[in-house]
């Protein structure tokens, strides 16, 4: 008597599977959010977001190309490495995840001027994305040299005043965005630098130094801190212990 029920079950199962997002992949706790798309060269192209300021093309003439977005910067996404103001590192890591989710909510319009960064990634500009990320406090203005777009900087000041996103629990004098250890260059010329961005101006400041950092060392400049983790220890099975744990066990901050 139950035999006629089997085709009905099969039909229901097929309908359920076809209703799932085309790019969804099963993960612990549910399905991953599907990737979104961008408009580039007049075509809508599916992309996979790595974090709030980088993605990879999944199709089209740029398929498999990695992209670094220009006009702004988002917080590091490889672990709970940022700290400032009233934020804990884990709280800011959640802001980073929220920023990545936000990038997937719309289709952004982008252009590529033919340039790549030192990692070989395409340097792409998506003006509507820049405005949205800065307005929501999911990204901050990042300029190596003047001029800084006054409209984007005004959006950042508005986000700071309204305590949105990363600005909700404080604004450092300088936002520490990258660390470089002298040991990375095998000694180099005897000096290297750390990069700090001013939330007030959006301009970058390279702080020269002659120090070698150890993995998971906390370094602080201008009211913000960042854990030093070499690139080869940021992902996969070999990632550093401070990126694996729920509670940060780090070495004392470098005194400033």
C-alpha atoms as a PDB file:
ATOM      1  CA  UNK A   1       0.000   0.000   0.000  1.00  0.00           C
ATOM      2  CA  UNK A   2       2.984   2.327   0.495  1.00  0.00           C
ATOM      3  CA  UNK A   3       4.457   1.828  -2.961  1.00  0.00           C
ATOM      4  CA  UNK A   4       2.435   4.647  -4.659  1.00  0.00           C
ATOM      5  CA  UNK A   5       3.868   7.088  -2.100  1.00  0.00           C
ATOM      6  CA  UNK A   6       7.463   6.694  -3.337  1.00  0.00           C
ATOM      7  CA  UNK A   7       7.101   8.728  -6.567  1.00  0.00           C
ATOM      8  CA  UNK A   8       5.475  11.526  -4.567  1.00  0.00           C
ATOM      9  CA  UNK A   9       8.427  11.596  -2.148  1.00  0.00           C
ATOM     10  CA  UNK A  10      10.866  11.646  -5.047  1.00  0.00           C
ATOM     11  CA  UNK A  11       9.079  14.609  -6.603  1.00  0.00           C
ATOM     12  CA  UNK A  12       9.156  16.531  -3.321  1.00  0.00           C
ATOM     13  CA  UNK A  13      12.865  15.821  -2.909  1.00  0.00           C
ATOM     14  CA  UNK A  14      13.595  17.031  -6.437  1.00  0.00           C
ATOM     15  CA  UNK A  15      11.639  20.231  -5.877  1.00  0.00           C
ATOM     16  CA  UNK A  16      13.522  20.900  -2.634  1.00  0.00           C
ATOM     17  CA  UNK A  17      16.927  20.406  -4.222  1.00  0.00           C
ATOM     18  CA  UNK A  18      16.160  22.636  -7.194  1.00  0.00           C
ATOM     19  CA  UNK A  19      15.013  25.369  -4.809  1.00  0.00           C
ATOM     20  CA  UNK A  20      18.444  25.541  -3.152  1.00  0.00           C
ATOM     21  CA  UNK A  21      20.828  28.315  -4.300  1.00  0.00           C
ATOM     22  CA  UNK A  22      22.826  27.216  -7.311  1.00  0.00           C
ATOM     23  CA  UNK A  23      26.142  27.900  -5.595  1.00  0.00           C
ATOM     24  CA  UNK A  24      25.170  26.727  -2.113  1.00  0.00           C
ATOM     25  CA  UNK A  25      27.530  24.298  -0.453  1.00  0.00           C
ATOM     26  CA  UNK A  26      26.719  22.318   2.683  1.00  0.00           C
ATOM     27  CA  UNK A  27      28.671  23.449   5.722  1.00  0.00           C
ATOM     28  CA  UNK A  28      28.433  22.936   9.439  1.00  0.00           C
ATOM     29  CA  UNK A  29      25.405  24.811  10.669  1.00  0.00           C
ATOM     30  CA  UNK A  30      23.684  25.117   7.281  1.00  0.00           C
ATOM     31  CA  UNK A  31      24.338  26.256   3.721  1.00  0.00           C
ATOM     32  CA  UNK A  32      26.834  28.914   2.697  1.00  0.00           C
ATOM     33  CA  UNK A  33      25.433  32.084   1.183  1.00  0.00           C
ATOM     34  CA  UNK A  34      25.677  31.937  -2.622  1.00  0.00           C
ATOM     35  CA  UNK A  35      28.113  34.270  -4.352  1.00  0.00           C
ATOM     36  CA  UNK A  36      26.782  37.437  -5.937  1.00  0.00           C
ATOM     37  CA  UNK A  37      27.704  39.191  -9.143  1.00  0.00           C
ATOM     38  CA  UNK A  38      29.226  42.392 -10.466  1.00  0.00           C
ATOM     39  CA  UNK A  39      28.773  44.316 -13.698  1.00  0.00           C
ATOM     40  CA  UNK A  40      32.084  44.702 -15.526  1.00  0.00           C
ATOM     41  CA  UNK A  41      32.657  45.576 -19.195  1.00  0.00           C
ATOM     42  CA  UNK A  42      28.885  45.727 -19.561  1.00  0.00           C
ATOM     43  CA  UNK A  43      28.382  42.107 -18.493  1.00  0.00           C
ATOM     44  CA  UNK A  44      26.952  40.606 -15.333  1.00  0.00           C
ATOM     45  CA  UNK A  45      29.530  38.138 -14.006  1.00  0.00           C
ATOM     46  CA  UNK A  46      29.220  35.832 -10.968  1.00  0.00           C
ATOM     47  CA  UNK A  47      31.884  36.347  -8.300  1.00  0.00           C
ATOM     48  CA  UNK A  48      32.914  34.711  -5.053  1.00  0.00           C
ATOM     49  CA  UNK A  49      33.679  37.136  -2.216  1.00  0.00           C
ATOM     50  CA  UNK A  50      36.706  36.418  -0.023  1.00  0.00           C
ATOM     51  CA  UNK A  51      36.111  39.331   2.348  1.00  0.00           C
ATOM     52  CA  UNK A  52      34.939  42.919   2.267  1.00  0.00           C
ATOM     53  CA  UNK A  53      37.440  44.141  -0.326  1.00  0.00           C
ATOM     54  CA  UNK A  54      38.376  41.182  -2.533  1.00  0.00           C
ATOM     55  CA  UNK A  55      36.706  38.582  -4.707  1.00  0.00           C
ATOM     56  CA  UNK A  56      37.336  36.137  -7.543  1.00  0.00           C
ATOM     57  CA  UNK A  57      35.599  35.893 -10.912  1.00  0.00           C
ATOM     58  CA  UNK A  58      33.713  32.624 -11.430  1.00  0.00           C
ATOM     59  CA  UNK A  59      33.041  33.034 -15.161  1.00  0.00           C
ATOM     60  CA  UNK A  60      33.567  35.318 -18.140  1.00  0.00           C
ATOM     61  CA  UNK A  61      36.823  36.491 -19.691  1.00  0.00           C
ATOM     62  CA  UNK A  62      38.332  37.155 -16.250  1.00  0.00           C
ATOM     63  CA  UNK A  63      37.394  33.730 -14.873  1.00  0.00           C
ATOM     64  CA  UNK A  64      39.667  32.606 -12.005  1.00  0.00           C
ATOM     65  CA  UNK A  65      41.211  36.081 -11.763  1.00  0.00           C
ATOM     66  CA  UNK A  66      41.550  37.443  -8.242  1.00  0.00           C
ATOM     67  CA  UNK A  67      40.479  41.013  -7.518  1.00  0.00           C
ATOM     68  CA  UNK A  68      41.506  43.643  -4.970  1.00  0.00           C
ATOM     69  CA  UNK A  69      39.031  46.498  -4.769  1.00  0.00           C
ATOM     70  CA  UNK A  70      40.225  50.093  -4.774  1.00  0.00           C
ATOM     71  CA  UNK A  71      38.927  53.167  -2.986  1.00  0.00           C
ATOM     72  CA  UNK A  72      38.625  51.632   0.462  1.00  0.00           C
ATOM     73  CA  UNK A  73      39.941  48.934   2.772  1.00  0.00           C
ATOM     74  CA  UNK A  74      38.156  46.451   5.012  1.00  0.00           C
ATOM     75  CA  UNK A  75      39.457  44.722   8.121  1.00  0.00           C
ATOM     76  CA  UNK A  76      41.515  41.542   7.889  1.00  0.00           C
ATOM     77  CA  UNK A  77      39.333  38.450   7.507  1.00  0.00           C
ATOM     78  CA  UNK A  78      41.747  35.618   8.328  1.00  0.00           C
ATOM     79  CA  UNK A  79      41.108  35.819  12.066  1.00  0.00           C
ATOM     80  CA  UNK A  80      40.427  37.991  15.128  1.00  0.00           C
ATOM     81  CA  UNK A  81      43.504  40.196  14.752  1.00  0.00           C
ATOM     82  CA  UNK A  82      42.284  43.805  15.160  1.00  0.00           C
ATOM     83  CA  UNK A  83      41.695  45.676  18.436  1.00  0.00           C
ATOM     84  CA  UNK A  84      40.947  49.281  19.376  1.00  0.00           C
ATOM     85  CA  UNK A  85      38.663  51.348  21.571  1.00  0.00           C
ATOM     86  CA  UNK A  86      36.004  49.292  23.337  1.00  0.00           C
ATOM     87  CA  UNK A  87      36.202  46.452  20.816  1.00  0.00           C
ATOM     88  CA  UNK A  88      37.569  43.016  21.503  1.00  0.00           C
ATOM     89  CA  UNK A  89      39.339  41.224  18.668  1.00  0.00           C
ATOM     90  CA  UNK A  90      36.507  38.706  18.417  1.00  0.00           C
ATOM     91  CA  UNK A  91      33.902  41.466  18.149  1.00  0.00           C
ATOM     92  CA  UNK A  92      35.775  43.177  15.318  1.00  0.00           C
ATOM     93  CA  UNK A  93      36.134  39.806  13.604  1.00  0.00           C
ATOM     94  CA  UNK A  94      32.342  39.598  13.607  1.00  0.00           C
ATOM     95  CA  UNK A  95      32.195  43.057  11.999  1.00  0.00           C
ATOM     96  CA  UNK A  96      34.504  41.684   9.301  1.00  0.00           C
ATOM     97  CA  UNK A  97      32.136  38.775   8.665  1.00  0.00           C
ATOM     98  CA  UNK A  98      29.175  41.161   8.520  1.00  0.00           C
ATOM     99  CA  UNK A  99      31.048  43.249   5.936  1.00  0.00           C
ATOM    100  CA  UNK A 100      31.618  40.203   3.736  1.00  0.00           C
ATOM    101  CA  UNK A 101      27.952  39.265   3.928  1.00  0.00           C
ATOM    102  CA  UNK A 102      27.008  42.831   2.994  1.00  0.00           C
ATOM    103  CA  UNK A 103      29.043  42.690  -0.230  1.00  0.00           C
ATOM    104  CA  UNK A 104      26.889  39.767  -1.380  1.00  0.00           C
ATOM    105  CA  UNK A 105      23.590  41.608  -1.040  1.00  0.00           C
ATOM    106  CA  UNK A 106      23.754  43.590  -4.286  1.00  0.00           C
ATOM    107  CA  UNK A 107      25.143  43.580  -7.806  1.00  0.00           C
ATOM    108  CA  UNK A 108      27.870  46.238  -8.012  1.00  0.00           C
ATOM    109  CA  UNK A 109      29.103  48.180 -11.050  1.00  0.00           C
ATOM    110  CA  UNK A 110      32.867  47.907 -11.539  1.00  0.00           C
ATOM    111  CA  UNK A 111      35.654  48.983 -13.889  1.00  0.00           C
ATOM    112  CA  UNK A 112      39.209  47.740 -14.357  1.00  0.00           C
ATOM    113  CA  UNK A 113      41.923  50.088 -15.590  1.00  0.00           C
ATOM    114  CA  UNK A 114      44.367  47.301 -16.452  1.00  0.00           C
ATOM    115  CA  UNK A 115      46.501  47.535 -13.300  1.00  0.00           C
ATOM    116  CA  UNK A 116      47.371  44.772 -10.826  1.00  0.00           C
ATOM    117  CA  UNK A 117      48.751  44.847  -7.287  1.00  0.00           C
ATOM    118  CA  UNK A 118      52.001  43.240  -6.113  1.00  0.00           C
ATOM    119  CA  UNK A 119      50.125  39.978  -5.462  1.00  0.00           C
ATOM    120  CA  UNK A 120      48.999  39.831  -9.091  1.00  0.00           C
ATOM    121  CA  UNK A 121      45.386  40.717  -8.312  1.00  0.00           C
ATOM    122  CA  UNK A 122      43.366  42.949 -10.630  1.00  0.00           C
ATOM    123  CA  UNK A 123      42.847  46.406  -9.112  1.00  0.00           C
ATOM    124  CA  UNK A 124      39.150  47.050  -9.697  1.00  0.00           C
ATOM    125  CA  UNK A 125      37.038  50.066  -8.732  1.00  0.00           C
ATOM    126  CA  UNK A 126      33.326  49.717  -7.903  1.00  0.00           C
ATOM    127  CA  UNK A 127      32.152  53.222  -6.969  1.00  0.00           C
ATOM    128  CA  UNK A 128      28.734  52.203  -5.661  1.00  0.00           C
ATOM    129  CA  UNK A 129      30.346  49.537  -3.480  1.00  0.00           C
ATOM    130  CA  UNK A 130      32.913  52.006  -2.109  1.00  0.00           C
ATOM    131  CA  UNK A 131      30.145  54.397  -1.080  1.00  0.00           C
ATOM    132  CA  UNK A 132      28.014  51.674   0.500  1.00  0.00           C
ATOM    133  CA  UNK A 133      30.859  50.038   2.450  1.00  0.00           C
ATOM    134  CA  UNK A 134      32.162  53.341   3.828  1.00  0.00           C
ATOM    135  CA  UNK A 135      28.654  54.597   4.629  1.00  0.00           C
ATOM    136  CA  UNK A 136      27.872  51.465   6.664  1.00  0.00           C
ATOM    137  CA  UNK A 137      31.214  51.445   8.488  1.00  0.00           C
ATOM    138  CA  UNK A 138      32.194  48.141   6.859  1.00  0.00           C
ATOM    139  CA  UNK A 139      35.127  49.738   5.069  1.00  0.00           C
ATOM    140  CA  UNK A 140      37.347  52.768   5.599  1.00  0.00           C
ATOM    141  CA  UNK A 141      38.917  55.278   3.230  1.00  0.00           C
ATOM    142  CA  UNK A 142      42.398  54.204   2.158  1.00  0.00           C
ATOM    143  CA  UNK A 143      44.695  56.440   0.124  1.00  0.00           C
ATOM    144  CA  UNK A 144      48.448  56.075  -0.250  1.00  0.00           C
ATOM    145  CA  UNK A 145      48.716  59.739  -1.231  1.00  0.00           C
ATOM    146  CA  UNK A 146      46.430  62.734  -1.818  1.00  0.00           C
ATOM    147  CA  UNK A 147      44.001  63.652  -3.155  1.00  0.00           C
ATOM    148  CA  UNK A 148      41.305  61.823  -1.195  1.00  0.00           C
ATOM    149  CA  UNK A 149      37.777  61.834  -2.620  1.00  0.00           C
ATOM    150  CA  UNK A 150      35.988  64.438  -0.432  1.00  0.00           C
ATOM    151  CA  UNK A 151      32.574  62.812  -0.938  1.00  0.00           C
ATOM    152  CA  UNK A 152      33.782  59.410   0.272  1.00  0.00           C
ATOM    153  CA  UNK A 153      35.582  61.030   3.203  1.00  0.00           C
ATOM    154  CA  UNK A 154      32.345  62.845   4.103  1.00  0.00           C
ATOM    155  CA  UNK A 155      30.539  59.478   4.145  1.00  0.00           C
ATOM    156  CA  UNK A 156      33.176  58.146   6.531  1.00  0.00           C
ATOM    157  CA  UNK A 157      32.778  61.110   8.868  1.00  0.00           C
ATOM    158  CA  UNK A 158      29.032  60.500   8.830  1.00  0.00           C
ATOM    159  CA  UNK A 159      29.548  56.809   9.657  1.00  0.00           C
ATOM    160  CA  UNK A 160      31.889  57.750  12.512  1.00  0.00           C
ATOM    161  CA  UNK A 161      29.427  60.303  13.899  1.00  0.00           C
ATOM    162  CA  UNK A 162      26.606  57.740  13.758  1.00  0.00           C
ATOM    163  CA  UNK A 163      28.835  54.975  15.219  1.00  0.00           C
ATOM    164  CA  UNK A 164      28.182  52.549  12.400  1.00  0.00           C
ATOM    165  CA  UNK A 165      30.014  49.292  11.807  1.00  0.00           C
ATOM    166  CA  UNK A 166      33.643  49.332  12.903  1.00  0.00           C
ATOM    167  CA  UNK A 167      33.226  52.781  14.482  1.00  0.00           C
ATOM    168  CA  UNK A 168      30.547  51.760  16.985  1.00  0.00           C
ATOM    169  CA  UNK A 169      32.946  51.293  19.911  1.00  0.00           C
ATOM    170  CA  UNK A 170      35.568  53.915  19.256  1.00  0.00           C
ATOM    171  CA  UNK A 171      37.743  55.589  16.646  1.00  0.00           C
ATOM    172  CA  UNK A 172      41.532  55.293  16.911  1.00  0.00           C
ATOM    173  CA  UNK A 173      43.814  58.136  15.933  1.00  0.00           C
ATOM    174  CA  UNK A 174      45.291  55.772  13.374  1.00  0.00           C
ATOM    175  CA  UNK A 175      44.036  52.433  12.065  1.00  0.00           C
ATOM    176  CA  UNK A 176      46.834  49.852  11.859  1.00  0.00           C
ATOM    177  CA  UNK A 177      46.218  47.936   8.618  1.00  0.00           C
ATOM    178  CA  UNK A 178      49.404  45.957   8.006  1.00  0.00           C
ATOM    179  CA  UNK A 179      52.554  44.805   9.756  1.00  0.00           C
ATOM    180  CA  UNK A 180      55.907  43.927   8.243  1.00  0.00           C
ATOM    181  CA  UNK A 181      58.666  42.156  10.106  1.00  0.00           C
ATOM    182  CA  UNK A 182      62.325  42.717   9.311  1.00  0.00           C
ATOM    183  CA  UNK A 183      62.720  38.935   9.250  1.00  0.00           C
ATOM    184  CA  UNK A 184      60.366  38.701   6.238  1.00  0.00           C
ATOM    185  CA  UNK A 185      63.001  40.231   4.001  1.00  0.00           C
ATOM    186  CA  UNK A 186      65.879  38.311   5.500  1.00  0.00           C
ATOM    187  CA  UNK A 187      67.181  41.520   6.997  1.00  0.00           C
ATOM    188  CA  UNK A 188      66.726  43.565   3.818  1.00  0.00           C
ATOM    189  CA  UNK A 189      68.303  46.991   4.159  1.00  0.00           C
ATOM    190  CA  UNK A 190      67.934  46.889   7.910  1.00  0.00           C
ATOM    191  CA  UNK A 191      64.477  48.437   8.032  1.00  0.00           C
ATOM    192  CA  UNK A 192      60.863  47.820   7.076  1.00  0.00           C
ATOM    193  CA  UNK A 193      57.524  49.468   7.853  1.00  0.00           C
ATOM    194  CA  UNK A 194      54.024  49.154   9.311  1.00  0.00           C
ATOM    195  CA  UNK A 195      51.078  50.930   7.697  1.00  0.00           C
ATOM    196  CA  UNK A 196      48.625  53.161   9.585  1.00  0.00           C
ATOM    197  CA  UNK A 197      45.610  54.945   8.060  1.00  0.00           C
ATOM    198  CA  UNK A 198      44.113  58.125   9.504  1.00  0.00           C
ATOM    199  CA  UNK A 199      40.309  57.872   9.931  1.00  0.00           C
ATOM    200  CA  UNK A 200      40.205  61.682   9.820  1.00  0.00           C
ATOM    201  CA  UNK A 201      41.947  62.101   6.451  1.00  0.00           C
ATOM    202  CA  UNK A 202      41.976  58.621   4.904  1.00  0.00           C
ATOM    203  CA  UNK A 203      45.696  59.009   4.193  1.00  0.00           C
ATOM    204  CA  UNK A 204      48.300  56.317   4.761  1.00  0.00           C
ATOM    205  CA  UNK A 205      51.370  56.694   6.933  1.00  0.00           C
ATOM    206  CA  UNK A 206      54.259  54.232   6.696  1.00  0.00           C
ATOM    207  CA  UNK A 207      55.987  53.825  10.061  1.00  0.00           C
ATOM    208  CA  UNK A 208      59.559  52.712   9.455  1.00  0.00           C
ATOM    209  CA  UNK A 209      61.169  50.367  11.954  1.00  0.00           C
ATOM    210  CA  UNK A 210      63.945  47.801  12.391  1.00  0.00           C
ATOM    211  CA  UNK A 211      62.047  45.138  14.336  1.00  0.00           C
ATOM    212  CA  UNK A 212      61.427  41.457  13.761  1.00  0.00           C
ATOM    213  CA  UNK A 213      58.017  40.347  15.012  1.00  0.00           C
ATOM    214  CA  UNK A 214      57.132  36.888  16.258  1.00  0.00           C
ATOM    215  CA  UNK A 215      53.998  35.047  15.164  1.00  0.00           C
ATOM    216  CA  UNK A 216      50.895  36.201  17.065  1.00  0.00           C
ATOM    217  CA  UNK A 217      52.703  39.185  18.593  1.00  0.00           C
ATOM    218  CA  UNK A 218      50.389  42.104  19.247  1.00  0.00           C
ATOM    219  CA  UNK A 219      51.697  45.388  17.840  1.00  0.00           C
ATOM    220  CA  UNK A 220      50.047  48.757  18.508  1.00  0.00           C
ATOM    221  CA  UNK A 221      50.286  52.147  16.800  1.00  0.00           C
ATOM    222  CA  UNK A 222      48.178  55.294  17.220  1.00  0.00           C
ATOM    223  CA  UNK A 223      45.530  53.682  19.402  1.00  0.00           C
ATOM    224  CA  UNK A 224      44.902  50.498  17.390  1.00  0.00           C
ATOM    225  CA  UNK A 225      46.481  47.055  17.560  1.00  0.00           C
ATOM    226  CA  UNK A 226      47.043  44.189  15.148  1.00  0.00           C
ATOM    227  CA  UNK A 227      48.366  40.656  15.590  1.00  0.00           C
ATOM    228  CA  UNK A 228      51.369  39.858  13.434  1.00  0.00           C
ATOM    229  CA  UNK A 229      50.769  36.670  11.448  1.00  0.00           C
ATOM    230  CA  UNK A 230      52.967  35.853   8.425  1.00  0.00           C
ATOM    231  CA  UNK A 231      50.985  35.240   5.249  1.00  0.00           C
ATOM    232  CA  UNK A 232      51.901  31.549   5.097  1.00  0.00           C
ATOM    233  CA  UNK A 233      50.369  31.012   8.565  1.00  0.00           C
ATOM    234  CA  UNK A 234      47.032  32.731   7.931  1.00  0.00           C
ATOM    235  CA  UNK A 235      45.110  29.947   6.203  1.00  0.00           C
ATOM    236  CA  UNK A 236      44.664  26.186   6.099  1.00  0.00           C
ATOM    237  CA  UNK A 237      46.060  23.560   8.398  1.00  0.00           C
ATOM    238  CA  UNK A 238      49.222  25.525   9.105  1.00  0.00           C
ATOM    239  CA  UNK A 239      47.492  28.665  10.355  1.00  0.00           C
ATOM    240  CA  UNK A 240      48.780  30.212  13.558  1.00  0.00           C
ATOM    241  CA  UNK A 241      47.381  29.182  16.944  1.00  0.00           C
ATOM    242  CA  UNK A 242      46.003  32.655  17.662  1.00  0.00           C
ATOM    243  CA  UNK A 243      43.743  32.298  14.620  1.00  0.00           C
ATOM    244  CA  UNK A 244      42.390  28.930  15.774  1.00  0.00           C
ATOM    245  CA  UNK A 245      41.366  29.660  19.350  1.00  0.00           C
ATOM    246  CA  UNK A 246      38.147  31.235  20.560  1.00  0.00           C
ATOM    247  CA  UNK A 247      40.093  33.171  23.179  1.00  0.00           C
ATOM    248  CA  UNK A 248      43.153  35.132  22.153  1.00  0.00           C
ATOM    249  CA  UNK A 249      46.357  34.010  23.804  1.00  0.00           C
ATOM    250  CA  UNK A 250      48.879  36.507  22.529  1.00  0.00           C
ATOM    251  CA  UNK A 251      52.210  37.948  23.520  1.00  0.00           C
ATOM    252  CA  UNK A 252      52.263  41.374  25.212  1.00  0.00           C
ATOM    253  CA  UNK A 253      51.799  44.398  23.013  1.00  0.00           C
ATOM    254  CA  UNK A 254      54.892  46.113  21.711  1.00  0.00           C
ATOM    255  CA  UNK A 255      55.171  49.225  23.934  1.00  0.00           C
ATOM    256  CA  UNK A 256      54.536  52.563  22.232  1.00  0.00           C
END
